[in-house]
Protein backbone atom coordinates (compact mmCIF):
# COMPACT_ATOMS: atom_id res chain seq x y z
CA MET A 1 0.58 -7.10 21.85
CA ALA A 2 0.03 -7.90 18.17
CA VAL A 3 0.33 -5.25 15.48
CA VAL A 4 -3.00 -4.72 13.70
CA PRO A 5 -2.92 -4.72 9.90
CA ILE A 6 -4.15 -1.55 8.21
CA THR A 7 -5.37 -0.56 4.74
CA VAL A 8 -3.25 1.69 2.52
CA TYR A 9 -3.69 2.99 -1.03
CA VAL A 10 -0.72 2.97 -3.40
CA LYS A 11 -0.77 4.77 -6.75
CA ALA A 12 0.42 2.32 -9.42
CA ASN A 13 -0.86 0.36 -12.40
CA SER A 14 -0.57 -3.07 -10.74
CA LYS A 15 0.80 -5.06 -7.82
CA ALA A 16 3.54 -6.30 -10.18
CA GLU A 17 4.59 -2.71 -10.86
CA ILE A 18 4.81 -2.02 -7.13
CA ASN A 19 6.96 -5.13 -6.59
CA ARG A 20 9.25 -4.26 -9.54
CA LYS A 21 9.80 -0.75 -8.18
CA LEU A 22 10.49 -2.05 -4.68
CA ALA A 23 12.98 -4.62 -6.07
CA ALA A 24 14.72 -1.81 -7.98
CA GLY A 25 15.17 0.15 -4.75
CA HIS A 26 12.44 2.76 -5.21
CA ARG A 27 10.75 4.14 -2.09
CA LEU A 28 6.98 3.83 -2.33
CA VAL A 29 4.44 5.30 0.04
CA GLY A 30 0.96 4.09 0.91
CA VAL A 31 -1.76 6.43 2.12
CA GLN A 32 -4.12 5.49 4.93
CA TYR A 33 -7.40 7.39 5.19
CA ARG A 34 -9.00 7.38 8.62
CA MET A 35 -11.65 9.59 10.21
CA GLY A 36 -10.84 12.65 8.07
CA ASP A 37 -7.12 12.15 8.61
CA VAL A 38 -4.51 11.09 6.06
CA VAL A 39 -1.44 9.13 7.19
CA THR A 40 1.42 8.09 4.91
CA TRP A 41 3.20 4.76 5.36
CA PRO A 42 6.40 3.85 3.54
CA LEU A 43 6.20 0.34 2.11
CA GLY A 44 8.76 -1.46 4.21
CA ASP A 45 9.42 -2.61 7.75
CA LEU A 46 7.08 -0.07 9.35
CA LEU A 47 4.00 -1.28 7.46
CA PRO A 48 2.37 -4.05 9.52
CA ASP A 49 2.49 -7.54 8.00
CA GLU A 50 -0.72 -8.62 6.23
CA SER A 51 -1.85 -5.02 5.76
CA VAL A 52 -4.21 -4.58 2.80
CA VAL A 53 -2.69 -2.73 -0.14
CA LYS A 54 -5.22 -1.22 -2.54
CA VAL A 55 -3.75 -0.30 -5.92
CA PHE A 56 -5.21 2.69 -7.75
CA ASN A 57 -4.32 4.87 -10.71
CA ARG A 58 -7.29 7.25 -10.76
CA GLU A 59 -9.57 9.04 -8.38
CA VAL A 60 -13.36 9.32 -8.39
CA ASP A 61 -14.85 12.34 -6.63
CA GLY A 62 -11.50 12.99 -4.94
CA SER A 63 -11.12 9.47 -3.53
CA PRO A 64 -8.81 6.72 -4.83
CA TYR A 65 -10.59 4.12 -6.94
CA ALA A 66 -8.98 0.73 -6.21
CA LYS A 67 -8.43 -1.55 -9.19
CA ALA A 68 -6.50 -4.32 -7.42
CA TYR A 69 -5.98 -5.57 -3.88
CA GLY A 70 -3.15 -7.38 -2.20
CA LYS A 71 -1.56 -7.99 1.18
CA TRP A 72 1.79 -6.75 2.39
CA ASP A 73 4.34 -9.51 3.03
CA GLN A 74 6.77 -7.94 5.47
CA LYS A 75 9.30 -10.80 5.33
CA LYS A 76 9.64 -10.62 1.53
CA GLY A 77 9.09 -6.86 1.30
CA ARG A 78 6.47 -7.15 -1.43
CA VAL A 79 2.75 -7.18 -2.16
CA LYS A 80 1.24 -10.61 -2.63
């Protein structure tokens, strides 16, 4: 059975910033919002490959406002 990609929000200024932090060994967490529920996903092996990563640095009406989008590359451990 194939693992289904998901959508997570990561607070950062850019995809490049996320990748720099991951390369430096920082632990970053993405947040998945679904049906009134909030689930956190560490960026790493547990996040399904090709999951959508929405980058935000501000919220509008309590919801993250995405400024950039990317996909998780599980093999490289980075956002592309």
